[in-house]
Amino acid sequence: MRHFLEELEELQRRLLEMGGLVESAISNSVRALSERSEARARQVLNNEARINQMEIEIDDCAVRLLALQQPMARDLRFLTAAIKINSDLERMGDLAVNIVERALSLMKQAQVKPLIDIPKLAQLSESMVHKSLDSFVRRDAELARQVLLSDDAVDDLRDAIYQELVSFMEKDPSTISRSLDLIFVARNLERIADHATNIAEDVVFLVRGVDVRHHAETQ
């Protein structure tokens, strides 16, 4: 039993290590865009393989523990949550790479507009990611619920960014390509926030045994 608990602790440690890599990738992807830094962009691209490898290793570990230990109750919820969180983290890493690809294109061209709203959207999304992982470590359902409640603010800001960029494209067709790149960046940041929401939902299920997907606002 002690060995099993140690393996659960190791699995959580590796998940948090992966979470740290992903948080760094998200931050560097947006800074690559705002600072027009190719070095930061390359850092994100170079770390992608490590994130992908960690996803495989964590999945293998969790599945092995499920198969060999046949855990019950809370330990079972932890392992199923770990597998889902692992997948969400890997997808966030992919989305950071998507942002970097747009940043590499945009940094070679004149800016459509000062980057104010997109860094703000990034800050909101990054905060949700950090809080969701923190809630997982602390088994804090209330902190996880705060993440769920933050999702609307992200959606509202994304919509405002879309509307502004569409108006730029309508007024000046020469900005279409650059504006579309920025729209894709905003979309990827919003999807990162969605994955943070998924993690927060998993934490609520882990702690309380309650599934809040699709009706979080009623919990």
C-alpha atoms as a PDB file:
ATOM      1  CA  MET A   1       0.000   0.000   0.000  1.00  0.00           C
ATOM      2  CA  ARG A   2       2.827   2.394   0.887  1.00  0.00           C
ATOM      3  CA  HIS A   3       4.487   1.735  -2.462  1.00  0.00           C
ATOM      4  CA  PHE A   4       1.216   2.507  -4.251  1.00  0.00           C
ATOM      5  CA  LEU A   5       0.873   5.832  -2.424  1.00  0.00           C
ATOM      6  CA  GLU A   6       4.440   6.730  -3.347  1.00  0.00           C
ATOM      7  CA  GLU A   7       3.669   6.002  -6.986  1.00  0.00           C
ATOM      8  CA  LEU A   8       0.585   8.232  -6.813  1.00  0.00           C
ATOM      9  CA  GLU A   9       2.727  11.025  -5.379  1.00  0.00           C
ATOM     10  CA  GLU A  10       5.287  10.542  -8.151  1.00  0.00           C
ATOM     11  CA  LEU A  11       2.541  10.663 -10.769  1.00  0.00           C
ATOM     12  CA  GLN A  12       1.297  13.960  -9.347  1.00  0.00           C
ATOM     13  CA  ARG A  13       4.849  15.336  -9.264  1.00  0.00           C
ATOM     14  CA  ARG A  14       5.348  14.511 -12.938  1.00  0.00           C
ATOM     15  CA  LEU A  15       2.003  16.032 -13.858  1.00  0.00           C
ATOM     16  CA  LEU A  16       3.022  19.252 -12.128  1.00  0.00           C
ATOM     17  CA  GLU A  17       6.399  19.208 -13.876  1.00  0.00           C
ATOM     18  CA  MET A  18       4.579  18.930 -17.190  1.00  0.00           C
ATOM     19  CA  GLY A  19       2.226  21.708 -16.085  1.00  0.00           C
ATOM     20  CA  GLY A  20       5.213  23.952 -15.424  1.00  0.00           C
ATOM     21  CA  LEU A  21       6.578  23.295 -18.910  1.00  0.00           C
ATOM     22  CA  VAL A  22       3.197  24.079 -20.431  1.00  0.00           C
ATOM     23  CA  GLU A  23       2.776  27.287 -18.427  1.00  0.00           C
ATOM     24  CA  SER A  24       6.213  28.371 -19.618  1.00  0.00           C
ATOM     25  CA  ALA A  25       5.301  27.531 -23.225  1.00  0.00           C
ATOM     26  CA  ILE A  26       2.126  29.616 -23.055  1.00  0.00           C
ATOM     27  CA  SER A  27       3.936  32.581 -21.511  1.00  0.00           C
ATOM     28  CA  ASN A  28       6.811  32.431 -23.986  1.00  0.00           C
ATOM     29  CA  SER A  29       4.479  32.085 -26.966  1.00  0.00           C
ATOM     30  CA  VAL A  30       2.688  35.323 -26.117  1.00  0.00           C
ATOM     31  CA  ARG A  31       5.923  37.112 -25.236  1.00  0.00           C
ATOM     32  CA  ALA A  32       7.363  35.980 -28.569  1.00  0.00           C
ATOM     33  CA  LEU A  33       4.447  37.790 -30.197  1.00  0.00           C
ATOM     34  CA  SER A  34       4.462  40.946 -28.069  1.00  0.00           C
ATOM     35  CA  GLU A  35       8.274  41.277 -27.956  1.00  0.00           C
ATOM     36  CA  ARG A  36       8.729  40.061 -31.543  1.00  0.00           C
ATOM     37  CA  SER A  37      11.275  37.613 -30.150  1.00  0.00           C
ATOM     38  CA  GLU A  38      12.308  34.732 -32.361  1.00  0.00           C
ATOM     39  CA  ALA A  39      14.417  33.331 -29.503  1.00  0.00           C
ATOM     40  CA  ARG A  40      11.335  32.894 -27.305  1.00  0.00           C
ATOM     41  CA  ALA A  41       9.461  31.336 -30.198  1.00  0.00           C
ATOM     42  CA  ARG A  42      12.256  28.810 -30.744  1.00  0.00           C
ATOM     43  CA  GLN A  43      12.251  27.977 -27.054  1.00  0.00           C
ATOM     44  CA  VAL A  44       8.589  26.965 -27.278  1.00  0.00           C
ATOM     45  CA  LEU A  45       9.198  24.870 -30.382  1.00  0.00           C
ATOM     46  CA  ASN A  46      12.221  23.173 -28.818  1.00  0.00           C
ATOM     47  CA  ASN A  47      10.255  22.202 -25.680  1.00  0.00           C
ATOM     48  CA  GLU A  48       7.341  20.658 -27.583  1.00  0.00           C
ATOM     49  CA  ALA A  49       9.016  17.255 -27.881  1.00  0.00           C
ATOM     50  CA  ARG A  50       9.609  17.105 -24.108  1.00  0.00           C
ATOM     51  CA  ILE A  51       5.953  17.880 -23.385  1.00  0.00           C
ATOM     52  CA  ASN A  52       4.822  15.214 -25.836  1.00  0.00           C
ATOM     53  CA  GLN A  53       7.179  12.646 -24.313  1.00  0.00           C
ATOM     54  CA  MET A  54       5.973  13.442 -20.812  1.00  0.00           C
ATOM     55  CA  GLU A  55       2.361  12.930 -21.911  1.00  0.00           C
ATOM     56  CA  ILE A  56       3.210   9.403 -23.060  1.00  0.00           C
ATOM     57  CA  GLU A  57       5.138   8.591 -19.884  1.00  0.00           C
ATOM     58  CA  ILE A  58       2.411   9.919 -17.565  1.00  0.00           C
ATOM     59  CA  ASP A  59      -0.305   8.060 -19.459  1.00  0.00           C
ATOM     60  CA  ASP A  60       1.687   4.824 -19.281  1.00  0.00           C
ATOM     61  CA  CYS A  61       2.215   5.266 -15.542  1.00  0.00           C
ATOM     62  CA  ALA A  62      -1.454   6.016 -14.814  1.00  0.00           C
ATOM     63  CA  VAL A  63      -2.745   3.132 -16.940  1.00  0.00           C
ATOM     64  CA  ARG A  64      -0.276   0.741 -15.301  1.00  0.00           C
ATOM     65  CA  LEU A  65      -1.460   1.762 -11.837  1.00  0.00           C
ATOM     66  CA  LEU A  66      -5.080   1.341 -12.875  1.00  0.00           C
ATOM     67  CA  ALA A  67      -4.419  -2.128 -14.256  1.00  0.00           C
ATOM     68  CA  LEU A  68      -2.162  -3.468 -11.520  1.00  0.00           C
ATOM     69  CA  GLN A  69      -3.540  -1.850  -8.383  1.00  0.00           C
ATOM     70  CA  GLN A  70      -7.267  -1.791  -9.229  1.00  0.00           C
ATOM     71  CA  PRO A  71      -7.784   1.269  -7.001  1.00  0.00           C
ATOM     72  CA  MET A  72     -11.103   2.146  -5.446  1.00  0.00           C
ATOM     73  CA  ALA A  73     -12.991   5.373  -4.680  1.00  0.00           C
ATOM     74  CA  ARG A  74     -10.800   8.471  -4.377  1.00  0.00           C
ATOM     75  CA  ASP A  75      -7.622   6.841  -5.731  1.00  0.00           C
ATOM     76  CA  LEU A  76      -9.569   5.748  -8.791  1.00  0.00           C
ATOM     77  CA  ARG A  77     -10.888   9.288  -9.257  1.00  0.00           C
ATOM     78  CA  PHE A  78      -7.342  10.618  -8.940  1.00  0.00           C
ATOM     79  CA  LEU A  79      -5.980   8.330 -11.646  1.00  0.00           C
ATOM     80  CA  THR A  80      -8.806   9.042 -14.079  1.00  0.00           C
ATOM     81  CA  ALA A  81      -8.410  12.781 -13.403  1.00  0.00           C
ATOM     82  CA  ALA A  82      -4.645  12.506 -13.951  1.00  0.00           C
ATOM     83  CA  ILE A  83      -5.151  10.911 -17.364  1.00  0.00           C
ATOM     84  CA  LYS A  84      -7.574  13.643 -18.422  1.00  0.00           C
ATOM     85  CA  ILE A  85      -5.426  16.473 -17.026  1.00  0.00           C
ATOM     86  CA  ASN A  86      -2.423  15.011 -18.824  1.00  0.00           C
ATOM     87  CA  SER A  87      -4.303  15.186 -22.125  1.00  0.00           C
ATOM     88  CA  ASP A  88      -5.446  18.766 -21.491  1.00  0.00           C
ATOM     89  CA  LEU A  89      -1.891  19.860 -20.706  1.00  0.00           C
ATOM     90  CA  GLU A  90      -0.549  18.324 -23.898  1.00  0.00           C
ATOM     91  CA  ARG A  91      -3.217  20.115 -25.933  1.00  0.00           C
ATOM     92  CA  MET A  92      -2.263  23.410 -24.274  1.00  0.00           C
ATOM     93  CA  GLY A  93       1.311  22.797 -25.363  1.00  0.00           C
ATOM     94  CA  ASP A  94       0.098  22.298 -28.928  1.00  0.00           C
ATOM     95  CA  LEU A  95      -1.881  25.543 -28.747  1.00  0.00           C
ATOM     96  CA  ALA A  96       1.212  27.419 -27.555  1.00  0.00           C
ATOM     97  CA  VAL A  97       3.018  26.099 -30.627  1.00  0.00           C
ATOM     98  CA  ASN A  98       0.136  27.346 -32.793  1.00  0.00           C
ATOM     99  CA  ILE A  99       0.523  30.819 -31.262  1.00  0.00           C
ATOM    100  CA  VAL A 100       4.266  30.755 -31.931  1.00  0.00           C
ATOM    101  CA  GLU A 101       3.714  29.863 -35.584  1.00  0.00           C
ATOM    102  CA  ARG A 102       1.491  32.938 -35.963  1.00  0.00           C
ATOM    103  CA  ALA A 103       3.984  35.046 -34.001  1.00  0.00           C
ATOM    104  CA  LEU A 104       6.830  34.065 -36.317  1.00  0.00           C
ATOM    105  CA  SER A 105       4.760  35.248 -39.261  1.00  0.00           C
ATOM    106  CA  LEU A 106       3.591  38.462 -37.603  1.00  0.00           C
ATOM    107  CA  MET A 107       6.986  39.582 -36.308  1.00  0.00           C
ATOM    108  CA  LYS A 108       8.183  39.982 -39.900  1.00  0.00           C
ATOM    109  CA  GLN A 109       5.390  42.457 -40.693  1.00  0.00           C
ATOM    110  CA  ALA A 110       4.171  45.832 -39.472  1.00  0.00           C
ATOM    111  CA  GLN A 111       1.736  45.686 -36.553  1.00  0.00           C
ATOM    112  CA  VAL A 112      -1.956  46.026 -37.315  1.00  0.00           C
ATOM    113  CA  LYS A 113      -2.510  47.630 -33.909  1.00  0.00           C
ATOM    114  CA  PRO A 114      -0.781  47.921 -30.540  1.00  0.00           C
ATOM    115  CA  LEU A 115      -0.984  44.602 -28.720  1.00  0.00           C
ATOM    116  CA  ILE A 116      -3.014  45.393 -25.625  1.00  0.00           C
ATOM    117  CA  ASP A 117      -6.055  43.113 -25.596  1.00  0.00           C
ATOM    118  CA  ILE A 118      -4.237  39.927 -26.604  1.00  0.00           C
ATOM    119  CA  PRO A 119      -1.692  40.117 -23.727  1.00  0.00           C
ATOM    120  CA  LYS A 120      -4.642  40.788 -21.405  1.00  0.00           C
ATOM    121  CA  LEU A 121      -6.425  37.711 -22.778  1.00  0.00           C
ATOM    122  CA  ALA A 122      -3.205  35.752 -22.319  1.00  0.00           C
ATOM    123  CA  GLN A 123      -2.956  36.918 -18.709  1.00  0.00           C
ATOM    124  CA  LEU A 124      -6.504  35.740 -18.000  1.00  0.00           C
ATOM    125  CA  SER A 125      -5.883  32.372 -19.650  1.00  0.00           C
ATOM    126  CA  GLU A 126      -2.540  31.864 -17.912  1.00  0.00           C
ATOM    127  CA  SER A 127      -4.129  32.695 -14.563  1.00  0.00           C
ATOM    128  CA  MET A 128      -6.807  30.074 -15.171  1.00  0.00           C
ATOM    129  CA  VAL A 129      -4.174  27.475 -16.018  1.00  0.00           C
ATOM    130  CA  HIS A 130      -2.148  28.275 -12.904  1.00  0.00           C
ATOM    131  CA  LYS A 131      -5.190  28.251 -10.614  1.00  0.00           C
ATOM    132  CA  SER A 132      -6.486  25.001 -12.070  1.00  0.00           C
ATOM    133  CA  LEU A 133      -3.156  23.269 -11.397  1.00  0.00           C
ATOM    134  CA  ASP A 134      -2.938  24.853  -7.950  1.00  0.00           C
ATOM    135  CA  SER A 135      -6.435  23.612  -7.141  1.00  0.00           C
ATOM    136  CA  PHE A 136      -5.337  20.125  -8.191  1.00  0.00           C
ATOM    137  CA  VAL A 137      -2.322  20.186  -5.870  1.00  0.00           C
ATOM    138  CA  ARG A 138      -4.318  21.548  -2.945  1.00  0.00           C
ATOM    139  CA  ARG A 139      -7.456  19.495  -3.700  1.00  0.00           C
ATOM    140  CA  ASP A 140      -9.280  22.829  -3.502  1.00  0.00           C
ATOM    141  CA  ALA A 141     -12.728  22.623  -5.090  1.00  0.00           C
ATOM    142  CA  GLU A 142     -13.486  26.284  -4.342  1.00  0.00           C
ATOM    143  CA  LEU A 143     -10.390  27.470  -6.199  1.00  0.00           C
ATOM    144  CA  ALA A 144     -11.353  25.183  -9.076  1.00  0.00           C
ATOM    145  CA  ARG A 145     -14.793  26.771  -9.101  1.00  0.00           C
ATOM    146  CA  GLN A 146     -13.174  30.216  -9.442  1.00  0.00           C
ATOM    147  CA  VAL A 147     -11.561  28.955 -12.640  1.00  0.00           C
ATOM    148  CA  LEU A 148     -14.947  27.878 -13.971  1.00  0.00           C
ATOM    149  CA  LEU A 149     -16.387  31.314 -13.239  1.00  0.00           C
ATOM    150  CA  SER A 150     -13.509  33.032 -15.089  1.00  0.00           C
ATOM    151  CA  ASP A 151     -14.374  31.445 -18.410  1.00  0.00           C
ATOM    152  CA  ASP A 152     -17.023  34.023 -19.343  1.00  0.00           C
ATOM    153  CA  ALA A 153     -14.525  36.897 -19.014  1.00  0.00           C
ATOM    154  CA  VAL A 154     -12.205  35.133 -21.443  1.00  0.00           C
ATOM    155  CA  ASP A 155     -15.021  34.586 -23.936  1.00  0.00           C
ATOM    156  CA  ASP A 156     -16.110  38.229 -23.696  1.00  0.00           C
ATOM    157  CA  LEU A 157     -12.592  39.536 -24.320  1.00  0.00           C
ATOM    158  CA  ARG A 158     -12.093  37.132 -27.219  1.00  0.00           C
ATOM    159  CA  ASP A 159     -15.319  38.415 -28.804  1.00  0.00           C
ATOM    160  CA  ALA A 160     -14.179  42.033 -28.384  1.00  0.00           C
ATOM    161  CA  ILE A 161     -10.847  41.222 -30.053  1.00  0.00           C
ATOM    162  CA  TYR A 162     -12.644  39.524 -32.944  1.00  0.00           C
ATOM    163  CA  GLN A 163     -14.938  42.498 -33.483  1.00  0.00           C
ATOM    164  CA  GLU A 164     -12.094  45.011 -33.490  1.00  0.00           C
ATOM    165  CA  LEU A 165      -9.997  42.995 -35.920  1.00  0.00           C
ATOM    166  CA  VAL A 166     -12.927  42.453 -38.263  1.00  0.00           C
ATOM    167  CA  SER A 167     -13.439  46.222 -38.340  1.00  0.00           C
ATOM    168  CA  PHE A 168      -9.760  46.680 -39.282  1.00  0.00           C
ATOM    169  CA  MET A 169     -10.138  44.196 -42.140  1.00  0.00           C
ATOM    170  CA  GLU A 170     -13.286  45.931 -43.402  1.00  0.00           C
ATOM    171  CA  LYS A 171     -11.613  49.342 -43.383  1.00  0.00           C
ATOM    172  CA  ASP A 172      -8.264  48.215 -44.822  1.00  0.00           C
ATOM    173  CA  PRO A 173      -8.134  44.929 -46.763  1.00  0.00           C
ATOM    174  CA  SER A 174      -4.321  45.029 -46.644  1.00  0.00           C
ATOM    175  CA  THR A 175      -4.574  44.066 -42.957  1.00  0.00           C
ATOM    176  CA  ILE A 176      -6.591  40.894 -43.582  1.00  0.00           C
ATOM    177  CA  SER A 177      -3.724  38.401 -43.346  1.00  0.00           C
ATOM    178  CA  ARG A 178      -2.235  39.955 -40.191  1.00  0.00           C
ATOM    179  CA  SER A 179      -5.640  40.395 -38.581  1.00  0.00           C
ATOM    180  CA  LEU A 180      -6.528  36.770 -39.228  1.00  0.00           C
ATOM    181  CA  ASP A 181      -3.280  35.700 -37.582  1.00  0.00           C
ATOM    182  CA  LEU A 182      -4.223  37.718 -34.497  1.00  0.00           C
ATOM    183  CA  ILE A 183      -7.717  36.229 -34.509  1.00  0.00           C
ATOM    184  CA  PHE A 184      -6.174  32.764 -34.516  1.00  0.00           C
ATOM    185  CA  VAL A 185      -3.918  33.763 -31.602  1.00  0.00           C
ATOM    186  CA  ALA A 186      -6.972  34.932 -29.640  1.00  0.00           C
ATOM    187  CA  ARG A 187      -8.794  31.722 -30.502  1.00  0.00           C
ATOM    188  CA  ASN A 188      -5.891  29.603 -29.296  1.00  0.00           C
ATOM    189  CA  LEU A 189      -5.722  31.526 -26.022  1.00  0.00           C
ATOM    190  CA  GLU A 190      -9.455  31.014 -25.530  1.00  0.00           C
ATOM    191  CA  ARG A 191      -8.998  27.279 -26.149  1.00  0.00           C
ATOM    192  CA  ILE A 192      -6.194  27.201 -23.560  1.00  0.00           C
ATOM    193  CA  ALA A 193      -8.687  28.682 -21.089  1.00  0.00           C
ATOM    194  CA  ASP A 194     -11.159  25.959 -22.075  1.00  0.00           C
ATOM    195  CA  HIS A 195      -8.597  23.289 -21.205  1.00  0.00           C
ATOM    196  CA  ALA A 196      -7.953  24.997 -17.863  1.00  0.00           C
ATOM    197  CA  THR A 197     -11.705  24.794 -17.285  1.00  0.00           C
ATOM    198  CA  ASN A 198     -11.579  21.068 -18.051  1.00  0.00           C
ATOM    199  CA  ILE A 199      -8.883  20.617 -15.401  1.00  0.00           C
ATOM    200  CA  ALA A 200     -10.917  22.590 -12.869  1.00  0.00           C
ATOM    201  CA  GLU A 201     -13.934  20.372 -13.572  1.00  0.00           C
ATOM    202  CA  ASP A 202     -11.763  17.302 -12.999  1.00  0.00           C
ATOM    203  CA  VAL A 203     -10.600  18.738  -9.673  1.00  0.00           C
ATOM    204  CA  VAL A 204     -14.186  19.279  -8.506  1.00  0.00           C
ATOM    205  CA  PHE A 205     -14.950  15.677  -9.444  1.00  0.00           C
ATOM    206  CA  LEU A 206     -11.804  14.451  -7.686  1.00  0.00           C
ATOM    207  CA  VAL A 207     -12.561  16.323  -4.464  1.00  0.00           C
ATOM    208  CA  ARG A 208     -16.347  16.131  -4.298  1.00  0.00           C
ATOM    209  CA  GLY A 209     -17.234  13.266  -6.598  1.00  0.00           C
ATOM    210  CA  VAL A 210     -19.544  15.625  -8.505  1.00  0.00           C
ATOM    211  CA  ASP A 211     -19.536  15.976 -12.293  1.00  0.00           C
ATOM    212  CA  VAL A 212     -19.962  19.678 -13.109  1.00  0.00           C
ATOM    213  CA  ARG A 213     -19.428  19.489 -16.860  1.00  0.00           C
ATOM    214  CA  HIS A 214     -22.005  21.444 -18.911  1.00  0.00           C
ATOM    215  CA  HIS A 215     -23.724  22.813 -15.816  1.00  0.00           C
ATOM    216  CA  ALA A 216     -20.939  24.355 -13.746  1.00  0.00           C
ATOM    217  CA  GLU A 217     -22.944  27.503 -13.146  1.00  0.00           C
ATOM    218  CA  THR A 218     -25.469  25.550 -11.077  1.00  0.00           C
ATOM    219  CA  GLN A 219     -22.889  24.126  -8.676  1.00  0.00           C
END
